[in-house]
């Protein structure tokens, strides 16, 4: 069963019926890649590929540990329930949504540099969260940021960083703390914005297993 967590003021209802399908595509993509090294092939003329699924979209996929286990991951890492196990996505909407979800899911499982790759034995103990990003809008003042609604992207000095809307809520950050944390993630000075970097905001449709 999927759980819908749209950021404030995003409209999730029109697409909610398709969320379980996208979550299944993500899980199947990870499973097949771990088994064969290849992504599943989905033909674009499939009857179930509704228009929204074929529209270009920017997507992030996040993997969370369901239950704590001792040393189950490759490399002997131990995990506790609720821990992050991988999060990867793309900011540019260049691929159809169903393909973007598959690619981001596989990269979250195998290419997040913060973690060892997910092993086949771990997959059943992971839950999947998908965040579909809205188009970016330029932010020129702190007052334009709404905590709980907006995720942020910062770009400057050939560096960039992104934080999803729920991160500020989870850590109890206000606007200034949110921007400082974003600068830190991007490897930029805490005061890089507004003078030396560009700031963008976006909303998400986020849903999970």
N, C-alpha and C. Protein backbone atom coordinates (compact mmCIF):
# COMPACT_ATOMS: atom_id res chain seq x y z
N UNK A 1 0.85 -1.19 0.00
CA UNK A 1 0.00 0.00 0.00
C UNK A 1 0.89 1.24 0.00
N UNK A 2 0.59 2.20 -0.84
CA UNK A 2 1.43 3.39 -0.92
C UNK A 2 0.94 4.45 0.03
N UNK A 3 1.88 5.29 0.50
CA UNK A 3 1.57 6.40 1.37
C UNK A 3 1.90 7.67 0.63
N UNK A 4 0.94 8.59 0.52
CA UNK A 4 1.12 9.82 -0.23
C UNK A 4 1.55 10.92 0.71
N UNK A 5 2.63 11.63 0.36
CA UNK A 5 3.12 12.74 1.17
C UNK A 5 3.44 13.93 0.28
N UNK A 6 2.43 14.51 -0.37
CA UNK A 6 2.74 15.68 -1.20
C UNK A 6 3.18 16.85 -0.34
N UNK A 7 4.14 17.64 -0.83
CA UNK A 7 4.47 18.86 -0.11
C UNK A 7 3.29 19.81 -0.22
N UNK A 8 3.21 20.77 0.70
CA UNK A 8 2.07 21.67 0.76
C UNK A 8 1.83 22.34 -0.58
N UNK A 9 0.57 22.47 -0.93
CA UNK A 9 0.11 23.16 -2.13
C UNK A 9 0.43 22.43 -3.43
N UNK A 10 0.98 21.20 -3.36
CA UNK A 10 1.11 20.41 -4.57
C UNK A 10 -0.14 19.56 -4.71
N UNK A 11 -0.56 19.30 -5.93
CA UNK A 11 -1.82 18.59 -6.15
C UNK A 11 -1.52 17.15 -6.53
N UNK A 12 -1.66 16.23 -5.55
CA UNK A 12 -1.32 14.84 -5.80
C UNK A 12 -2.50 14.03 -6.30
N UNK A 13 -3.73 14.45 -6.00
CA UNK A 13 -4.90 13.63 -6.24
C UNK A 13 -5.05 13.14 -7.68
N UNK A 14 -4.80 13.98 -8.69
CA UNK A 14 -5.02 13.50 -10.06
C UNK A 14 -4.15 12.30 -10.46
N UNK A 15 -3.04 12.13 -9.79
CA UNK A 15 -2.10 11.07 -10.18
C UNK A 15 -2.03 9.93 -9.17
N UNK A 16 -2.77 10.01 -8.08
CA UNK A 16 -2.60 9.07 -6.98
C UNK A 16 -2.79 7.63 -7.41
N UNK A 17 -3.67 7.37 -8.35
CA UNK A 17 -3.94 6.00 -8.78
C UNK A 17 -2.72 5.37 -9.45
N UNK A 18 -1.79 6.20 -9.92
CA UNK A 18 -0.60 5.68 -10.62
C UNK A 18 0.59 5.47 -9.69
N UNK A 19 0.49 5.92 -8.45
CA UNK A 19 1.63 5.80 -7.54
C UNK A 19 2.04 4.36 -7.29
N UNK A 20 1.11 3.43 -7.01
CA UNK A 20 1.53 2.03 -6.80
C UNK A 20 2.26 1.46 -8.01
N UNK A 21 1.85 1.84 -9.21
CA UNK A 21 2.52 1.36 -10.41
C UNK A 21 3.96 1.85 -10.48
N UNK A 22 4.18 3.13 -10.20
CA UNK A 22 5.54 3.66 -10.22
C UNK A 22 6.41 3.01 -9.15
N UNK A 23 5.84 2.77 -7.97
CA UNK A 23 6.61 2.11 -6.92
C UNK A 23 6.97 0.68 -7.33
N UNK A 24 6.06 -0.01 -8.01
CA UNK A 24 6.37 -1.36 -8.49
C UNK A 24 7.45 -1.31 -9.56
N UNK A 25 7.37 -0.34 -10.48
CA UNK A 25 8.41 -0.21 -11.49
C UNK A 25 9.78 0.01 -10.87
N UNK A 26 9.82 0.84 -9.82
CA UNK A 26 11.09 1.12 -9.15
C UNK A 26 11.66 -0.14 -8.52
N UNK A 27 10.82 -0.89 -7.82
CA UNK A 27 11.30 -2.11 -7.15
C UNK A 27 11.74 -3.16 -8.16
N UNK A 28 10.96 -3.33 -9.22
CA UNK A 28 11.33 -4.32 -10.24
C UNK A 28 12.62 -3.93 -10.96
N UNK A 29 12.81 -2.63 -11.16
CA UNK A 29 14.04 -2.17 -11.81
C UNK A 29 15.26 -2.50 -10.96
N UNK A 30 15.16 -2.25 -9.65
CA UNK A 30 16.29 -2.57 -8.77
C UNK A 30 16.55 -4.07 -8.76
N UNK A 31 15.49 -4.87 -8.61
CA UNK A 31 15.66 -6.31 -8.54
C UNK A 31 16.30 -6.87 -9.81
N UNK A 32 15.84 -6.41 -10.97
CA UNK A 32 16.40 -6.92 -12.22
C UNK A 32 17.83 -6.46 -12.40
N UNK A 33 18.12 -5.22 -12.04
CA UNK A 33 19.49 -4.73 -12.20
C UNK A 33 20.45 -5.49 -11.29
N UNK A 34 20.04 -5.76 -10.06
CA UNK A 34 20.90 -6.50 -9.15
C UNK A 34 21.14 -7.93 -9.63
N UNK A 35 20.16 -8.48 -10.36
CA UNK A 35 20.28 -9.85 -10.84
C UNK A 35 21.02 -9.95 -12.17
N UNK A 36 20.84 -8.95 -13.05
CA UNK A 36 21.35 -9.09 -14.41
C UNK A 36 22.26 -7.95 -14.85
N UNK A 37 22.26 -6.84 -14.11
CA UNK A 37 23.02 -5.68 -14.54
C UNK A 37 22.33 -4.86 -15.61
N UNK A 38 21.05 -5.14 -15.87
CA UNK A 38 20.31 -4.43 -16.90
C UNK A 38 18.98 -3.94 -16.36
N UNK A 39 18.48 -2.83 -16.93
CA UNK A 39 17.17 -2.32 -16.58
C UNK A 39 16.10 -3.10 -17.33
N UNK A 40 14.90 -3.23 -16.75
CA UNK A 40 13.79 -3.83 -17.50
C UNK A 40 13.46 -2.98 -18.72
N UNK A 41 12.99 -3.61 -19.76
CA UNK A 41 12.58 -2.91 -20.96
C UNK A 41 11.08 -2.69 -20.93
N UNK A 42 10.67 -1.44 -21.07
CA UNK A 42 9.25 -1.10 -21.11
C UNK A 42 8.99 -0.39 -22.43
N UNK A 43 8.08 -0.94 -23.22
CA UNK A 43 7.74 -0.33 -24.50
C UNK A 43 6.80 0.86 -24.28
N UNK A 44 7.04 1.96 -24.94
CA UNK A 44 6.25 3.17 -24.72
C UNK A 44 4.82 3.04 -25.22
N UNK A 45 4.53 2.02 -26.02
CA UNK A 45 3.16 1.88 -26.50
C UNK A 45 2.32 0.99 -25.58
N UNK A 46 2.86 0.58 -24.44
CA UNK A 46 2.08 -0.22 -23.51
C UNK A 46 0.79 0.51 -23.13
N UNK A 47 -0.31 -0.25 -23.02
CA UNK A 47 -1.61 0.35 -22.74
C UNK A 47 -1.65 1.08 -21.41
N UNK A 48 -0.89 0.59 -20.42
CA UNK A 48 -0.96 1.17 -19.08
C UNK A 48 -0.12 2.44 -18.95
N UNK A 49 0.65 2.77 -19.95
CA UNK A 49 1.49 3.96 -19.88
C UNK A 49 0.66 5.21 -20.17
N UNK A 50 0.00 5.70 -19.14
CA UNK A 50 -0.84 6.89 -19.30
C UNK A 50 0.04 8.12 -19.56
N UNK A 51 -0.61 9.19 -19.99
CA UNK A 51 0.11 10.37 -20.46
C UNK A 51 1.10 10.90 -19.43
N UNK A 52 0.70 10.97 -18.14
CA UNK A 52 1.59 11.52 -17.11
C UNK A 52 2.87 10.71 -17.02
N UNK A 53 2.79 9.40 -17.18
CA UNK A 53 3.96 8.55 -17.06
C UNK A 53 4.94 8.76 -18.20
N UNK A 54 4.46 9.29 -19.32
CA UNK A 54 5.33 9.51 -20.47
C UNK A 54 5.86 10.92 -20.57
N UNK A 55 5.40 11.81 -19.71
CA UNK A 55 5.89 13.18 -19.72
C UNK A 55 7.28 13.25 -19.09
N UNK A 56 8.18 14.07 -19.63
CA UNK A 56 9.50 14.24 -18.99
C UNK A 56 9.34 14.75 -17.56
N UNK A 57 10.14 14.19 -16.65
CA UNK A 57 10.01 14.57 -15.25
C UNK A 57 11.35 14.49 -14.54
N UNK A 58 11.52 15.38 -13.57
CA UNK A 58 12.66 15.31 -12.65
C UNK A 58 12.20 14.50 -11.44
N UNK A 59 13.00 13.52 -11.05
CA UNK A 59 12.57 12.55 -10.04
C UNK A 59 13.73 12.22 -9.10
N UNK A 60 13.40 12.04 -7.83
CA UNK A 60 14.33 11.47 -6.86
C UNK A 60 13.72 10.21 -6.27
N UNK A 61 14.54 9.20 -6.06
CA UNK A 61 14.11 7.97 -5.40
C UNK A 61 14.94 7.79 -4.14
N UNK A 62 14.24 7.54 -3.03
CA UNK A 62 14.89 7.37 -1.73
C UNK A 62 14.59 5.98 -1.20
N UNK A 63 15.61 5.33 -0.65
CA UNK A 63 15.46 4.00 -0.07
C UNK A 63 15.62 4.11 1.45
N UNK A 64 14.70 3.48 2.18
CA UNK A 64 14.71 3.49 3.63
C UNK A 64 14.75 2.06 4.16
N UNK A 65 15.44 1.84 5.27
CA UNK A 65 15.51 0.53 5.90
C UNK A 65 14.21 0.27 6.66
N UNK A 66 13.61 -0.88 6.42
CA UNK A 66 12.35 -1.23 7.10
C UNK A 66 12.62 -1.66 8.54
N UNK A 67 13.46 -2.68 8.72
CA UNK A 67 13.73 -3.25 10.03
C UNK A 67 15.23 -3.31 10.26
N UNK A 68 15.64 -3.11 11.52
CA UNK A 68 17.05 -3.16 11.84
C UNK A 68 17.64 -4.54 11.65
N UNK A 69 18.83 -4.60 11.08
CA UNK A 69 19.54 -5.87 10.90
C UNK A 69 21.01 -5.65 11.20
N UNK A 70 21.67 -6.68 11.63
CA UNK A 70 23.06 -6.59 12.05
C UNK A 70 23.98 -7.10 10.95
N UNK A 71 24.65 -6.18 10.30
CA UNK A 71 25.68 -6.56 9.34
C UNK A 71 25.16 -7.28 8.11
N UNK A 72 23.97 -6.92 7.63
CA UNK A 72 23.43 -7.61 6.46
C UNK A 72 23.94 -7.04 5.15
N UNK A 73 24.39 -5.80 5.16
CA UNK A 73 24.83 -5.17 3.91
C UNK A 73 26.25 -5.60 3.55
N UNK A 74 26.55 -5.50 2.29
CA UNK A 74 27.90 -5.79 1.83
C UNK A 74 28.88 -4.88 2.56
N UNK A 75 29.99 -5.46 3.01
CA UNK A 75 30.95 -4.70 3.79
C UNK A 75 30.69 -4.79 5.29
N UNK A 76 29.68 -5.56 5.69
CA UNK A 76 29.42 -5.76 7.11
C UNK A 76 28.72 -4.61 7.80
N UNK A 77 28.09 -3.70 7.02
CA UNK A 77 27.40 -2.59 7.63
C UNK A 77 26.12 -3.07 8.31
N UNK A 78 25.83 -2.48 9.48
CA UNK A 78 24.58 -2.77 10.17
C UNK A 78 23.63 -1.60 9.98
N UNK A 79 22.34 -1.90 9.94
CA UNK A 79 21.34 -0.88 9.69
C UNK A 79 20.27 -0.93 10.76
N UNK A 80 19.73 0.24 11.08
CA UNK A 80 18.63 0.31 12.02
C UNK A 80 17.37 0.79 11.29
N UNK A 81 16.23 0.44 11.82
CA UNK A 81 14.96 0.77 11.17
C UNK A 81 14.84 2.28 10.95
N UNK A 82 14.39 2.65 9.76
CA UNK A 82 14.19 4.05 9.44
C UNK A 82 15.39 4.76 8.88
N UNK A 83 16.53 4.10 8.81
CA UNK A 83 17.73 4.76 8.28
C UNK A 83 17.66 4.92 6.77
N UNK A 84 18.28 5.99 6.30
CA UNK A 84 18.45 6.21 4.87
C UNK A 84 19.42 5.17 4.31
N UNK A 85 19.08 4.60 3.14
CA UNK A 85 19.94 3.61 2.52
C UNK A 85 20.39 4.03 1.11
N UNK A 86 19.85 5.14 0.63
CA UNK A 86 20.25 5.65 -0.68
C UNK A 86 19.24 6.67 -1.18
N UNK A 87 19.73 7.70 -1.86
CA UNK A 87 18.84 8.71 -2.44
C UNK A 87 19.56 9.33 -3.63
N UNK A 88 19.00 9.14 -4.82
CA UNK A 88 19.61 9.66 -6.04
C UNK A 88 18.46 10.09 -6.96
N UNK A 89 18.72 11.10 -7.76
CA UNK A 89 17.72 11.53 -8.73
C UNK A 89 18.34 12.44 -9.75
N UNK A 90 17.48 13.06 -10.54
CA UNK A 90 17.93 14.02 -11.53
C UNK A 90 17.08 15.27 -11.45
N UNK A 91 17.73 16.41 -11.60
CA UNK A 91 17.05 17.71 -11.49
C UNK A 91 16.39 18.08 -12.81
N UNK A 92 17.01 17.70 -13.92
CA UNK A 92 16.47 18.06 -15.23
C UNK A 92 15.42 17.04 -15.66
N UNK A 93 14.33 17.54 -16.22
CA UNK A 93 13.27 16.67 -16.72
C UNK A 93 13.59 16.30 -18.16
N UNK A 94 14.44 15.29 -18.33
CA UNK A 94 14.90 14.91 -19.67
C UNK A 94 14.34 13.58 -20.14
N UNK A 95 13.90 12.73 -19.22
CA UNK A 95 13.40 11.41 -19.57
C UNK A 95 11.94 11.28 -19.16
N UNK A 96 11.16 10.43 -19.85
CA UNK A 96 9.79 10.19 -19.41
C UNK A 96 9.77 9.72 -17.96
N UNK A 97 8.70 10.05 -17.26
CA UNK A 97 8.62 9.76 -15.83
C UNK A 97 8.89 8.30 -15.52
N UNK A 98 8.31 7.37 -16.28
CA UNK A 98 8.49 5.95 -15.93
C UNK A 98 9.93 5.52 -16.09
N UNK A 99 10.65 6.08 -17.05
CA UNK A 99 12.07 5.74 -17.23
C UNK A 99 12.91 6.44 -16.16
N UNK A 100 12.58 7.70 -15.87
CA UNK A 100 13.32 8.43 -14.83
C UNK A 100 13.23 7.72 -13.49
N UNK A 101 12.07 7.17 -13.18
CA UNK A 101 11.90 6.44 -11.92
C UNK A 101 12.76 5.19 -11.91
N UNK A 102 12.76 4.44 -12.98
CA UNK A 102 13.59 3.23 -13.04
C UNK A 102 15.07 3.56 -12.85
N UNK A 103 15.54 4.56 -13.59
CA UNK A 103 16.96 4.91 -13.53
C UNK A 103 17.35 5.44 -12.15
N UNK A 104 16.51 6.30 -11.56
CA UNK A 104 16.84 6.84 -10.25
C UNK A 104 16.81 5.76 -9.19
N UNK A 105 15.89 4.82 -9.30
CA UNK A 105 15.81 3.73 -8.32
C UNK A 105 17.08 2.88 -8.33
N UNK A 106 17.53 2.55 -9.54
CA UNK A 106 18.75 1.73 -9.64
C UNK A 106 19.96 2.49 -9.11
N UNK A 107 20.05 3.78 -9.43
CA UNK A 107 21.19 4.56 -8.94
C UNK A 107 21.13 4.73 -7.42
N UNK A 108 19.93 4.89 -6.86
CA UNK A 108 19.82 4.99 -5.41
C UNK A 108 20.32 3.73 -4.74
N UNK A 109 20.09 2.58 -5.38
CA UNK A 109 20.50 1.30 -4.81
C UNK A 109 21.97 0.98 -5.04
N UNK A 110 22.55 1.53 -6.10
CA UNK A 110 23.89 1.08 -6.48
C UNK A 110 24.93 2.18 -6.62
N UNK A 111 24.51 3.45 -6.70
CA UNK A 111 25.47 4.51 -7.06
C UNK A 111 25.48 5.69 -6.10
N UNK A 112 24.82 5.59 -4.95
CA UNK A 112 24.91 6.66 -3.96
C UNK A 112 26.28 6.52 -3.28
N UNK A 113 27.17 7.50 -3.45
CA UNK A 113 28.54 7.34 -2.95
C UNK A 113 28.64 7.27 -1.43
N UNK A 114 27.57 7.57 -0.73
CA UNK A 114 27.60 7.53 0.74
C UNK A 114 27.46 6.12 1.28
N UNK A 115 27.07 5.16 0.44
CA UNK A 115 26.75 3.82 0.93
C UNK A 115 27.35 2.74 0.04
N UNK A 116 27.53 1.57 0.62
CA UNK A 116 27.82 0.40 -0.20
C UNK A 116 26.59 0.10 -1.06
N UNK A 117 26.77 -0.48 -2.25
CA UNK A 117 25.61 -0.85 -3.06
C UNK A 117 24.69 -1.82 -2.30
N UNK A 118 23.41 -1.72 -2.57
CA UNK A 118 22.43 -2.63 -1.98
C UNK A 118 22.69 -4.04 -2.52
N UNK A 119 22.60 -5.03 -1.64
CA UNK A 119 22.75 -6.42 -2.05
C UNK A 119 21.37 -7.01 -2.30
N UNK A 120 21.27 -8.06 -3.14
CA UNK A 120 19.95 -8.65 -3.42
C UNK A 120 19.21 -9.07 -2.15
N UNK A 121 19.94 -9.53 -1.14
CA UNK A 121 19.30 -9.97 0.09
C UNK A 121 18.72 -8.84 0.92
N UNK A 122 19.12 -7.62 0.64
CA UNK A 122 18.60 -6.47 1.39
C UNK A 122 17.29 -5.92 0.85
N UNK A 123 17.02 -6.17 -0.42
CA UNK A 123 15.96 -5.44 -1.10
C UNK A 123 14.60 -5.56 -0.41
N UNK A 124 14.27 -6.74 0.07
CA UNK A 124 12.97 -6.92 0.72
C UNK A 124 12.86 -6.12 2.02
N UNK A 125 14.00 -5.72 2.57
CA UNK A 125 13.99 -4.96 3.82
C UNK A 125 14.08 -3.46 3.58
N UNK A 126 13.90 -3.05 2.34
CA UNK A 126 13.94 -1.62 2.01
C UNK A 126 12.57 -1.16 1.53
N UNK A 127 12.18 0.04 1.94
CA UNK A 127 10.99 0.67 1.39
C UNK A 127 11.43 1.77 0.43
N UNK A 128 10.59 2.04 -0.55
CA UNK A 128 10.93 2.97 -1.62
C UNK A 128 10.03 4.19 -1.53
N UNK A 129 10.64 5.36 -1.67
CA UNK A 129 9.91 6.62 -1.74
C UNK A 129 10.29 7.32 -3.04
N UNK A 130 9.30 7.81 -3.75
CA UNK A 130 9.51 8.52 -5.01
C UNK A 130 9.03 9.96 -4.85
N UNK A 131 9.85 10.90 -5.30
CA UNK A 131 9.49 12.32 -5.29
C UNK A 131 9.59 12.86 -6.70
N UNK A 132 8.45 13.29 -7.24
CA UNK A 132 8.39 13.89 -8.57
C UNK A 132 8.42 15.40 -8.39
N UNK A 133 9.40 16.06 -8.99
CA UNK A 133 9.62 17.48 -8.78
C UNK A 133 8.82 18.33 -9.76
N UNK A 134 8.35 19.46 -9.25
CA UNK A 134 7.72 20.46 -10.11
C UNK A 134 8.81 21.21 -10.87
N UNK A 135 8.44 22.03 -11.86
CA UNK A 135 9.43 22.92 -12.47
C UNK A 135 10.05 23.85 -11.43
N UNK A 136 11.30 24.24 -11.65
CA UNK A 136 12.00 25.12 -10.72
C UNK A 136 11.52 26.56 -10.87
N UNK A 137 11.53 27.29 -9.76
CA UNK A 137 11.27 28.73 -9.81
C UNK A 137 12.39 29.45 -9.07
N UNK A 138 12.81 30.58 -9.59
CA UNK A 138 13.93 31.34 -8.99
C UNK A 138 13.48 31.96 -7.67
N UNK A 139 14.33 31.86 -6.66
CA UNK A 139 14.08 32.46 -5.34
C UNK A 139 15.00 33.65 -5.17
N UNK A 140 14.43 34.81 -4.86
CA UNK A 140 15.22 36.03 -4.71
C UNK A 140 15.16 36.60 -3.30
N UNK A 141 14.33 36.01 -2.43
CA UNK A 141 14.28 36.48 -1.04
C UNK A 141 13.90 35.31 -0.14
N UNK A 142 14.34 35.36 1.11
CA UNK A 142 14.00 34.31 2.06
C UNK A 142 12.50 34.18 2.24
N UNK A 143 11.81 35.31 2.19
CA UNK A 143 10.37 35.30 2.42
C UNK A 143 9.61 34.49 1.37
N UNK A 144 10.23 34.23 0.23
CA UNK A 144 9.57 33.47 -0.82
C UNK A 144 9.62 31.96 -0.56
N UNK A 145 10.39 31.53 0.44
CA UNK A 145 10.52 30.11 0.77
C UNK A 145 9.46 29.73 1.80
N UNK A 146 8.73 28.66 1.52
CA UNK A 146 7.73 28.16 2.46
C UNK A 146 8.20 26.79 2.96
N UNK A 147 8.53 26.73 4.24
CA UNK A 147 8.96 25.47 4.84
C UNK A 147 7.81 24.47 4.80
N UNK A 148 8.11 23.25 4.37
CA UNK A 148 7.10 22.22 4.24
C UNK A 148 6.52 22.12 2.84
N UNK A 149 6.59 23.21 2.10
CA UNK A 149 6.13 23.19 0.71
C UNK A 149 7.29 23.09 -0.26
N UNK A 150 8.35 23.86 0.01
CA UNK A 150 9.42 24.02 -0.97
C UNK A 150 10.64 23.15 -0.68
N UNK A 151 11.13 22.51 -1.72
CA UNK A 151 12.48 22.00 -1.73
C UNK A 151 13.36 23.07 -2.37
N UNK A 152 14.68 22.95 -2.17
CA UNK A 152 15.59 23.98 -2.67
C UNK A 152 16.74 23.38 -3.47
N UNK A 153 17.13 24.12 -4.49
CA UNK A 153 18.32 23.81 -5.28
C UNK A 153 19.19 25.05 -5.31
N UNK A 154 20.48 24.90 -5.03
CA UNK A 154 21.42 26.02 -5.13
C UNK A 154 22.47 25.70 -6.17
N UNK A 155 22.85 26.71 -6.96
CA UNK A 155 23.82 26.54 -8.03
C UNK A 155 24.80 27.69 -7.97
N UNK A 156 26.09 27.38 -7.89
CA UNK A 156 27.10 28.43 -7.86
C UNK A 156 28.50 27.87 -7.88
N UNK A 157 29.42 28.58 -8.51
CA UNK A 157 30.83 28.19 -8.54
C UNK A 157 31.00 26.75 -9.01
N UNK A 158 30.26 26.39 -10.04
CA UNK A 158 30.30 25.04 -10.63
C UNK A 158 29.93 23.95 -9.61
N UNK A 159 29.18 24.32 -8.62
CA UNK A 159 28.68 23.37 -7.63
C UNK A 159 27.17 23.53 -7.51
N UNK A 160 26.52 22.46 -7.08
CA UNK A 160 25.09 22.56 -6.81
C UNK A 160 24.68 21.54 -5.76
N UNK A 161 23.60 21.84 -5.08
CA UNK A 161 23.08 20.94 -4.06
C UNK A 161 21.57 21.05 -4.01
N UNK A 162 20.92 19.97 -3.60
CA UNK A 162 19.46 19.93 -3.56
C UNK A 162 19.01 19.28 -2.27
N UNK A 163 17.97 19.84 -1.67
CA UNK A 163 17.32 19.24 -0.51
C UNK A 163 15.82 19.21 -0.76
N UNK A 164 15.20 18.07 -0.49
CA UNK A 164 13.77 17.90 -0.69
C UNK A 164 12.98 18.64 0.40
N UNK A 165 11.71 18.94 0.17
CA UNK A 165 10.93 19.74 1.14
C UNK A 165 10.89 19.15 2.54
N UNK A 166 10.80 17.83 2.64
CA UNK A 166 10.65 17.22 3.96
C UNK A 166 11.89 17.32 4.84
N UNK A 167 13.04 17.61 4.24
CA UNK A 167 14.28 17.68 5.03
C UNK A 167 14.21 18.81 6.05
N UNK A 168 13.75 19.97 5.63
CA UNK A 168 13.64 21.11 6.55
C UNK A 168 12.67 20.81 7.68
N UNK A 169 11.58 20.12 7.37
CA UNK A 169 10.60 19.75 8.39
C UNK A 169 11.20 18.75 9.37
N UNK A 170 11.87 17.73 8.84
CA UNK A 170 12.46 16.68 9.69
C UNK A 170 13.46 17.25 10.68
N UNK A 171 14.23 18.25 10.27
CA UNK A 171 15.27 18.82 11.13
C UNK A 171 14.80 20.07 11.88
N UNK A 172 13.57 20.49 11.64
CA UNK A 172 13.06 21.68 12.34
C UNK A 172 13.74 22.96 11.93
N UNK A 173 14.19 23.05 10.67
CA UNK A 173 14.89 24.24 10.20
C UNK A 173 13.91 25.34 9.81
N UNK A 174 14.30 26.57 10.06
CA UNK A 174 13.66 27.72 9.46
C UNK A 174 14.29 28.00 8.11
N UNK A 175 13.89 29.12 7.51
CA UNK A 175 14.38 29.43 6.17
C UNK A 175 15.90 29.59 6.13
N UNK A 176 16.45 30.37 7.05
CA UNK A 176 17.89 30.63 7.03
C UNK A 176 18.69 29.35 7.24
N UNK A 177 18.27 28.53 8.19
CA UNK A 177 18.98 27.27 8.45
C UNK A 177 18.88 26.33 7.26
N UNK A 178 17.74 26.33 6.59
CA UNK A 178 17.54 25.50 5.41
C UNK A 178 18.53 25.89 4.32
N UNK A 179 18.67 27.18 4.07
CA UNK A 179 19.59 27.65 3.03
C UNK A 179 21.04 27.38 3.42
N UNK A 180 21.38 27.59 4.68
CA UNK A 180 22.76 27.30 5.12
C UNK A 180 23.09 25.82 4.94
N UNK A 181 22.16 24.95 5.31
CA UNK A 181 22.39 23.51 5.16
C UNK A 181 22.54 23.14 3.68
N UNK A 182 21.78 23.80 2.84
CA UNK A 182 21.88 23.55 1.41
C UNK A 182 23.24 23.98 0.88
N UNK A 183 23.72 25.14 1.31
CA UNK A 183 25.05 25.60 0.92
C UNK A 183 26.12 24.59 1.35
N UNK A 184 25.99 24.10 2.58
CA UNK A 184 26.95 23.11 3.09
C UNK A 184 26.94 21.86 2.22
N UNK A 185 25.75 21.38 1.87
CA UNK A 185 25.67 20.18 1.04
C UNK A 185 26.33 20.39 -0.31
N UNK A 186 26.21 21.60 -0.86
CA UNK A 186 26.79 21.89 -2.17
C UNK A 186 28.29 22.17 -2.10
N UNK A 187 28.83 22.26 -0.88
CA UNK A 187 30.24 22.61 -0.75
C UNK A 187 30.51 24.08 -0.96
N UNK A 188 29.48 24.90 -0.70
CA UNK A 188 29.60 26.35 -0.85
C UNK A 188 29.67 27.01 0.52
N UNK A 189 30.22 28.22 0.61
CA UNK A 189 30.19 28.95 1.89
C UNK A 189 28.75 29.17 2.34
N UNK A 190 28.55 29.27 3.64
CA UNK A 190 27.20 29.41 4.19
C UNK A 190 26.51 30.67 3.70
N UNK A 191 27.30 31.69 3.32
CA UNK A 191 26.72 32.94 2.85
C UNK A 191 26.81 33.09 1.33
N UNK A 192 26.90 31.98 0.62
CA UNK A 192 27.05 32.04 -0.84
C UNK A 192 25.85 32.68 -1.53
N UNK A 193 24.68 32.47 -0.95
CA UNK A 193 23.47 33.08 -1.52
C UNK A 193 23.07 34.27 -0.67
N UNK A 194 22.71 35.39 -1.29
CA UNK A 194 22.39 35.55 -2.71
C UNK A 194 23.52 36.06 -3.60
N UNK A 195 24.63 36.47 -3.02
CA UNK A 195 25.64 37.15 -3.80
C UNK A 195 26.40 36.30 -4.79
N UNK A 196 26.64 35.00 -4.45
CA UNK A 196 27.53 34.19 -5.27
C UNK A 196 26.88 32.90 -5.78
N UNK A 197 25.59 32.77 -5.61
CA UNK A 197 24.90 31.56 -6.07
C UNK A 197 23.45 31.88 -6.40
N UNK A 198 22.85 31.04 -7.21
CA UNK A 198 21.44 31.17 -7.56
C UNK A 198 20.64 30.13 -6.77
N UNK A 199 19.47 30.52 -6.31
CA UNK A 199 18.63 29.65 -5.51
C UNK A 199 17.31 29.42 -6.23
N UNK A 200 16.88 28.16 -6.24
CA UNK A 200 15.62 27.79 -6.88
C UNK A 200 14.79 26.97 -5.90
N UNK A 201 13.47 27.06 -6.04
CA UNK A 201 12.56 26.28 -5.21
C UNK A 201 11.69 25.39 -6.11
N UNK A 202 11.15 24.34 -5.51
CA UNK A 202 10.26 23.44 -6.23
C UNK A 202 9.35 22.76 -5.21
N UNK A 203 8.24 22.23 -5.66
CA UNK A 203 7.39 21.39 -4.83
C UNK A 203 7.51 19.95 -5.32
N UNK A 204 6.96 19.02 -4.57
CA UNK A 204 7.05 17.61 -4.95
C UNK A 204 5.72 16.90 -4.76
N UNK A 205 5.56 15.84 -5.52
CA UNK A 205 4.60 14.80 -5.21
C UNK A 205 5.43 13.64 -4.69
N UNK A 206 5.33 13.36 -3.40
CA UNK A 206 6.12 12.29 -2.79
C UNK A 206 5.19 11.19 -2.29
N UNK A 207 5.55 9.95 -2.58
CA UNK A 207 4.74 8.82 -2.17
C UNK A 207 5.65 7.62 -1.94
N UNK A 208 5.24 6.74 -1.04
CA UNK A 208 6.11 5.64 -0.63
C UNK A 208 5.31 4.37 -0.39
N UNK A 209 6.03 3.28 -0.29
CA UNK A 209 5.39 1.98 -0.04
C UNK A 209 4.87 1.93 1.40
